[in-house]
Protein backbone atom coordinates (compact mmCIF):
# COMPACT_ATOMS: atom_id res chain seq x y z
CA GLU A 1 -83.36 -18.81 37.16
CA GLU A 2 -84.09 -20.06 40.66
CA PHE A 3 -81.22 -22.57 40.65
CA GLU A 4 -78.64 -19.84 39.88
CA GLU A 5 -80.13 -17.66 42.57
CA TYR A 6 -79.66 -20.43 45.13
CA ALA A 7 -76.13 -21.19 43.88
CA GLU A 8 -75.32 -17.60 44.82
CA LYS A 9 -77.10 -17.92 48.13
CA ALA A 10 -75.07 -21.06 48.89
CA LYS A 11 -71.90 -18.96 48.81
CA THR A 12 -73.22 -16.96 51.76
CA LEU A 13 -73.95 -19.89 54.00
CA PRO A 14 -72.37 -19.59 57.50
CA GLU A 15 -68.78 -20.80 58.24
CA ASN A 16 -70.18 -23.51 60.49
CA THR A 17 -71.93 -25.30 57.62
CA THR A 18 -70.76 -28.92 57.96
CA ASN A 19 -68.56 -30.54 55.44
CA ASP A 20 -71.20 -33.19 54.91
CA ASP A 21 -73.70 -30.51 53.94
CA LYS A 22 -71.19 -28.85 51.64
CA LEU A 23 -70.49 -32.15 49.96
CA ILE A 24 -74.17 -32.77 49.39
CA LEU A 25 -74.46 -29.35 47.79
CA TYR A 26 -71.34 -30.00 45.67
CA GLY A 27 -72.67 -33.28 44.38
CA LEU A 28 -76.08 -31.91 43.57
CA PHE A 29 -74.50 -28.82 41.87
CA LYS A 30 -72.26 -30.91 39.66
CA GLN A 31 -75.11 -33.30 38.78
CA ALA A 32 -77.30 -30.34 37.91
CA THR A 33 -74.67 -28.50 35.82
CA VAL A 34 -72.52 -31.27 34.35
CA GLY A 35 -74.61 -34.43 34.61
CA PRO A 36 -73.32 -37.84 35.60
CA VAL A 37 -69.71 -38.18 36.83
CA ASN A 38 -67.36 -37.88 33.84
CA THR A 39 -64.06 -38.33 35.56
CA SER A 40 -62.22 -41.17 37.27
CA ARG A 41 -62.12 -41.30 41.06
CA PRO A 42 -59.16 -39.36 42.45
CA GLY A 43 -56.45 -41.34 44.27
CA MET A 44 -56.10 -41.85 48.00
CA PHE A 45 -53.60 -39.01 48.34
CA ASN A 46 -56.23 -36.42 47.35
CA MET A 47 -58.90 -36.94 50.08
CA LYS A 48 -60.76 -33.70 49.48
CA GLU A 49 -61.20 -34.32 45.76
CA LYS A 50 -62.17 -37.97 46.50
CA TYR A 51 -64.87 -36.91 48.94
CA LYS A 52 -66.20 -34.45 46.34
CA TRP A 53 -66.15 -37.13 43.67
CA ASP A 54 -68.03 -39.56 45.97
CA ALA A 55 -70.65 -36.90 46.73
CA TRP A 56 -71.19 -36.37 43.01
CA LYS A 57 -71.30 -40.12 42.35
CA ALA A 58 -73.90 -40.59 45.10
CA VAL A 59 -76.48 -38.53 43.17
CA GLU A 60 -75.62 -39.97 39.75
CA GLY A 61 -79.12 -41.29 39.00
CA LYS A 62 -80.85 -37.95 39.40
CA SER A 63 -81.96 -35.91 36.39
CA LYS A 64 -80.61 -32.36 36.09
CA GLU A 65 -84.04 -31.02 37.17
CA GLU A 66 -84.16 -33.30 40.23
CA ALA A 67 -80.64 -32.32 41.19
CA MET A 68 -81.49 -28.62 40.81
CA ASN A 69 -84.66 -28.98 42.94
CA ASP A 70 -82.80 -30.94 45.62
CA TYR A 71 -80.03 -28.36 45.65
CA ILE A 72 -82.48 -25.49 46.13
CA THR A 73 -84.24 -27.42 48.91
CA LYS A 74 -80.92 -28.15 50.68
CA VAL A 75 -79.85 -24.49 50.49
CA LYS A 76 -83.20 -23.41 51.90
CA GLN A 77 -82.82 -25.89 54.75
CA LEU A 78 -79.35 -24.67 55.57
CA GLN A 79 -80.44 -21.03 55.45
CA GLU A 80 -83.35 -21.75 57.79
CA ALA A 81 -81.09 -23.67 60.17
CA ALA A 82 -78.59 -20.75 60.16
CA ALA A 83 -81.37 -18.21 60.81
CA ALA A 84 -82.76 -20.32 63.69
CA SER A 85 -79.37 -20.58 65.37
CA SER A 86 -78.48 -16.92 65.13
């Protein structure tokens, strides 16, 4: 399936992919594969997990299909940006 193909491609994005972009992908991936947030927000001592949770929470209203499509679109954008800058 296309979503799985792009999940693999996301693993090959360049090192300089911003944390914001990585968080967007993380949130969309979780929404597409798990659905709405099903855990409580991590505490203030775990900033990385809290940012990831917030990114997932930010896309909570999307259907799995919407999240998959947005994820694919975002990976394509990041690949194009990486290609343009190399």
